[in-house]
Amino acid sequence: MQAIELEPIGLIHSGYKEKFGIPRQPGLVHSVRSTLELLPPYGSREAVSGLEMASHIWLLFLFSECVGKGWKPRVRPPRLGGNQRLGVFATRSPFRPNPIGLSPVRLDAIRFDGDRVLLDISGADLLDQTPVLDIKPYLPYSDRIDDATFALAEQIELLDLPVIFAPAAERRCDDYGHRLGEPLRRQIEELLRCDPRPAYQKQQHDREYGIRLHDLNIRWRIDAERIEVLSITPAED
């Protein structure tokens, strides 16, 4: 069969600057908003005419950091602690024969800035500069499947723990949130309750971690009783 060549129709602009810390699935963190910028010749008013009627859209995208890195027929899903192998098609691993992802996101607004067409979205799980291959409206009557099941992932796994900010981190959070115009505290709380830690480290309560959000480095740790934000500092590129 002849090879198929695809061209991105747009790029994601997101506060997620590195892979670690991004929610493992879409729809888990709603406070972090992203923007999809459509590229020429696809960024036209005509191409998005009528899309404003959709509250949610599907994004078909490329796992660009995985291109050329190969794939294996069996992988170790993080949700299973890295100890159990499943067929790649039974997982959402980005290392696939064709490294393509699919995410439903909320469409908050469509903006026109000169010749640029910008789609503001929330609930995305996409790295900054992710290439988007296609957009489709989410159709509730057909896309929602109420009796759908998957035995290994029946429910969302979120930490039911308080998020405590160290005094200096709390001051920085307020200052940086105001500068960025972002609900930074809520974003950090939602992200950390998703527990970005590798599954095999979740019982190691003395470990300290860092995630990159916007242009900030967030240092934190988790124990059995709480999630503690230790520091918030400018990220070093």
Foldseek 3Di string as FASTA:
>chain_A
DDDDDFDFQWWKAWQAADQQLQQPAFPLFFQTKIKTKGDPPCFDCVNCVPVVVFQKKKWKFAPVVQPPVAADQWAQDLLNLSPDIDGPVLDLDCRDPGSIDMHMWGFPDWDDDPSIIMTMTGRDRDHGGIGTRDMGGDDVVPNDDPPDDDVSDRDQQFAPAAEAEDPQAVVVQVVVCVVVVGNRVSNVVSSCRSPSDRSNCPQVQVDWDWGRGRQWIWIWTDHPHHIYTYHIDGHDD
